[in-house]
């Protein structure tokens, strides 16, 4: 029973870490984009903001990677 709880906790920590790194990277790129005010950078920033729409896909990618035992 304790081993099952430990595996569940480690799996949750791994999942949260994956999302923190992914979202953190996205936030850093967005912040960098807003500090540069030229039109090309603004377009890039808006496109990255639309990346939030693909978050369910990122979680599916994570699940696929864990099933492939790559993470």
C-alpha atoms as a PDB file:
ATOM      1  CA  UNK A   1       0.000   0.000   0.000  1.00  0.00           C
ATOM      2  CA  UNK A   2       2.756   2.461   0.898  1.00  0.00           C
ATOM      3  CA  UNK A   3       4.618   1.661  -2.304  1.00  0.00           C
ATOM      4  CA  UNK A   4       1.496   2.439  -4.328  1.00  0.00           C
ATOM      5  CA  UNK A   5       1.153   5.799  -2.575  1.00  0.00           C
ATOM      6  CA  UNK A   6       4.812   6.578  -3.219  1.00  0.00           C
ATOM      7  CA  UNK A   7       4.446   5.764  -6.913  1.00  0.00           C
ATOM      8  CA  UNK A   8       1.350   7.974  -7.114  1.00  0.00           C
ATOM      9  CA  UNK A   9       3.096  10.849  -5.365  1.00  0.00           C
ATOM     10  CA  UNK A  10       6.170  10.569  -7.600  1.00  0.00           C
ATOM     11  CA  UNK A  11       3.986  10.426 -10.675  1.00  0.00           C
ATOM     12  CA  UNK A  12       2.123  13.571  -9.563  1.00  0.00           C
ATOM     13  CA  UNK A  13       5.392  15.381  -8.864  1.00  0.00           C
ATOM     14  CA  UNK A  14       6.731  14.389 -12.280  1.00  0.00           C
ATOM     15  CA  UNK A  15       3.536  15.620 -13.972  1.00  0.00           C
ATOM     16  CA  UNK A  16       3.551  18.927 -12.114  1.00  0.00           C
ATOM     17  CA  UNK A  17       7.239  19.419 -12.905  1.00  0.00           C
ATOM     18  CA  UNK A  18       6.564  18.839 -16.591  1.00  0.00           C
ATOM     19  CA  UNK A  19       3.790  21.434 -16.601  1.00  0.00           C
ATOM     20  CA  UNK A  20       5.837  23.945 -14.594  1.00  0.00           C
ATOM     21  CA  UNK A  21       8.745  23.692 -17.005  1.00  0.00           C
ATOM     22  CA  UNK A  22       6.472  23.902 -20.047  1.00  0.00           C
ATOM     23  CA  UNK A  23       4.371  26.794 -18.760  1.00  0.00           C
ATOM     24  CA  UNK A  24       7.412  28.524 -17.276  1.00  0.00           C
ATOM     25  CA  UNK A  25       9.170  28.441 -20.620  1.00  0.00           C
ATOM     26  CA  UNK A  26       6.064  29.795 -22.314  1.00  0.00           C
ATOM     27  CA  UNK A  27       5.780  32.617 -19.767  1.00  0.00           C
ATOM     28  CA  UNK A  28       9.448  33.561 -20.194  1.00  0.00           C
ATOM     29  CA  UNK A  29       9.024  33.740 -23.963  1.00  0.00           C
ATOM     30  CA  UNK A  30       5.816  35.771 -23.583  1.00  0.00           C
ATOM     31  CA  UNK A  31       7.474  38.226 -21.203  1.00  0.00           C
ATOM     32  CA  UNK A  32      10.423  38.599 -23.538  1.00  0.00           C
ATOM     33  CA  UNK A  33       8.004  39.210 -26.383  1.00  0.00           C
ATOM     34  CA  UNK A  34       6.175  41.977 -24.551  1.00  0.00           C
ATOM     35  CA  UNK A  35       9.387  43.782 -23.643  1.00  0.00           C
ATOM     36  CA  UNK A  36      10.219  44.087 -27.334  1.00  0.00           C
ATOM     37  CA  UNK A  37       7.557  46.225 -28.908  1.00  0.00           C
ATOM     38  CA  UNK A  38       8.145  45.814 -32.633  1.00  0.00           C
ATOM     39  CA  UNK A  39       5.344  44.313 -34.679  1.00  0.00           C
ATOM     40  CA  UNK A  40       7.083  41.056 -35.486  1.00  0.00           C
ATOM     41  CA  UNK A  41       7.655  40.312 -31.829  1.00  0.00           C
ATOM     42  CA  UNK A  42       4.091  41.235 -30.970  1.00  0.00           C
ATOM     43  CA  UNK A  43       2.834  38.790 -33.567  1.00  0.00           C
ATOM     44  CA  UNK A  44       5.081  36.081 -32.132  1.00  0.00           C
ATOM     45  CA  UNK A  45       3.789  36.853 -28.659  1.00  0.00           C
ATOM     46  CA  UNK A  46       0.161  36.649 -29.710  1.00  0.00           C
ATOM     47  CA  UNK A  47       0.834  33.352 -31.422  1.00  0.00           C
ATOM     48  CA  UNK A  48       2.459  32.017 -28.288  1.00  0.00           C
ATOM     49  CA  UNK A  49      -0.509  33.144 -26.217  1.00  0.00           C
ATOM     50  CA  UNK A  50      -2.677  31.040 -28.460  1.00  0.00           C
ATOM     51  CA  UNK A  51      -0.437  28.181 -27.368  1.00  0.00           C
ATOM     52  CA  UNK A  52      -2.547  27.989 -24.229  1.00  0.00           C
ATOM     53  CA  UNK A  53      -5.207  26.481 -26.442  1.00  0.00           C
ATOM     54  CA  UNK A  54      -2.968  23.473 -27.060  1.00  0.00           C
ATOM     55  CA  UNK A  55      -2.402  22.698 -23.371  1.00  0.00           C
ATOM     56  CA  UNK A  56      -4.633  19.593 -23.532  1.00  0.00           C
ATOM     57  CA  UNK A  57      -2.409  18.346 -26.348  1.00  0.00           C
ATOM     58  CA  UNK A  58       0.671  18.881 -24.187  1.00  0.00           C
ATOM     59  CA  UNK A  59      -0.839  16.806 -21.409  1.00  0.00           C
ATOM     60  CA  UNK A  60      -1.618  14.077 -23.938  1.00  0.00           C
ATOM     61  CA  UNK A  61       1.992  14.228 -25.133  1.00  0.00           C
ATOM     62  CA  UNK A  62       3.115  13.772 -21.534  1.00  0.00           C
ATOM     63  CA  UNK A  63       0.882  10.725 -21.135  1.00  0.00           C
ATOM     64  CA  UNK A  64       2.189   9.293 -24.400  1.00  0.00           C
ATOM     65  CA  UNK A  65       5.778   9.809 -23.284  1.00  0.00           C
ATOM     66  CA  UNK A  66       5.189   8.113 -19.958  1.00  0.00           C
ATOM     67  CA  UNK A  67       3.632   5.135 -21.728  1.00  0.00           C
ATOM     68  CA  UNK A  68       6.719   4.946 -23.944  1.00  0.00           C
ATOM     69  CA  UNK A  69       8.868   5.068 -20.759  1.00  0.00           C
ATOM     70  CA  UNK A  70      10.939   7.960 -22.063  1.00  0.00           C
ATOM     71  CA  UNK A  71      10.393  10.103 -18.971  1.00  0.00           C
END
